[in-house]
Amino acid sequence: TFIFQTHKIDEFESRLGHLTSLLDGFRRSFTYIQDYVNIYGLKIWQEEFSRIVNYNVEQECNQFLKKKVFDWQSTYQSEAIPIPKFASVDNSVNFIGRLASELLLHTSVVRTTYLDQMSGWFDPQGRELVGMKTFALMMRSVGVFGVTGLDKLLCFMMVRDLGNLLLRTKQMLTKTNGAKVLRSLASNLNPTSSLPTSEKVYDASLRATSSLKLWSFIAGAISSIGQKQLLRRQISSLLKSSCKLDSNMLFSALDTLNKSLLTDIRAHYRSPETKPYPNENNPLLSELAKYLEHTGIHEPFIKIYITTDPIEDFAVLVFLLLISQLPKFKYNAHLGVLMPTNAKKGYDITPFTVGIITLLKQFHSINTQKFLAYLGQYVRSNLASLQNKDKQKETDYPVEVINVLLWLEEFCKFAPASRKEIEGYVPSYIFDHFSHCLLYTSPSPRDRQKS
């Protein structure tokens, strides 16, 4: 069923619809026959269907593991009722891989735009390609087990992408003068509470690293990671709403247990001597995590996916990456997001933002604080330079500052971070004046009609 020929969204949805009707027929047959033969037909269907889906997810994830799980080691395979293996028709092992590949294709960061207000991906003509309707269709077709398996596969892909990104970044910095440029810029910008001697240090650092092709590589890799994170958040939202409707008591019990455990863990860090942490042999946390992931009670954006050695001047690296990419975007007042100025060579800003948040979460929180401090210093430096050039006339913010402030608002929304945290680096009056400027510089509906 999941063999796609045209790779268009209409074919994708029609395949999901066909699978929904097919599996629904099987399920109703099991439910119908259970009264005649006096067996739990629906229970058998659910157990066997989950076993088949979980086995295929396990086999698909094998390509990301150093230690493979063979058939005879799988907890889902059975000698009495073996699950058949079919030959692969593309780069994927089975239908779960093909489903993930097709979903990633239709949410491409190059060809689509993600609108958080609509919770969907749109093409340049304004047509919704993937949204809540698509995910609801997936839930009806492959069920909770298939959707959670898809989420697990996306997680494995993201771990691979993060590892490759950090490995190649380290190699490019050590083989070139990139590390030296970062070290020099960090010394020029510190301390971040004051302004640099000249705002030209930013342009000089970007020019020094432009020949390395470092920023285009990192931006592409980060956008791909952000794309998978947005899909995982959409899946989490779908599972959470489904669990609330179908089994509200289970959802409430798990949510309460999760909150109480988090309270106990915080109490442990405040007083480790009197509030001990659960023993390593205690399965409570690991078992609860499985239930939470199946019910969508988790935050994909703030999870730690890999452990890595610290990178010197990592905050400066992420800061330079951001200011090298933001000039490629322009605010679209109609959609309320930053859009690429060159539609053919650009990419979506939201996955890029989420990718940066995910990357920062893999390192110590001090790197995030330094990164925000560098951004605040960049904004203040540009405004001070503008004021020095024209002391008599009050001018609007330059495009560089507006783009950074808009990006920080997106950062607050997805991180999640409060506005007060950002105001520790960018004064509140700058944001207030920025909103006022944006209100008057953005075209009104009447102006758009005239044009």
Foldseek 3Di string as FASTA:
>chain_A
DLDDDPLALVSVLVVLVVLLVVVVVVLVVQVVCCVVVVDNSNVVSVVLLLLQLVVLLLQQLQVLDPDHQDLVNDPSADPVDGDDADPDPDPTRDSLVSNLVSVCVQQDQQAWAQFPVQQFTAGPVGDTRDHLVNVVSNCSRSNLSSLLSNLVSLLSVLLVLLVVLVVVLVVLVVVDVLVVLLVVLVVQCPPLVDAGPALCSLVVSCVVCVVSCSLVVNLVSLLSSLSSLSSSLSSLVVLQVVCCVPPVPVSVVLVVVVVVLVVLVVVCVVPVVVRPDDDPPDCVVVVSVVVCSSNSVDRSLQDASDADDDDPSVLSVLLSSVLVCLVQWDADPVSRATDGPDSNPDGYVRSSLSSSLSSCSNDDCVSVLVNLSVLLSSLVNQVVVVCVVPVPDDDARDSSNLSSLSSVVSCCVRNVDDPVSSCVRHPPVVVVVSVVVCVVVHDDPVRVVVD
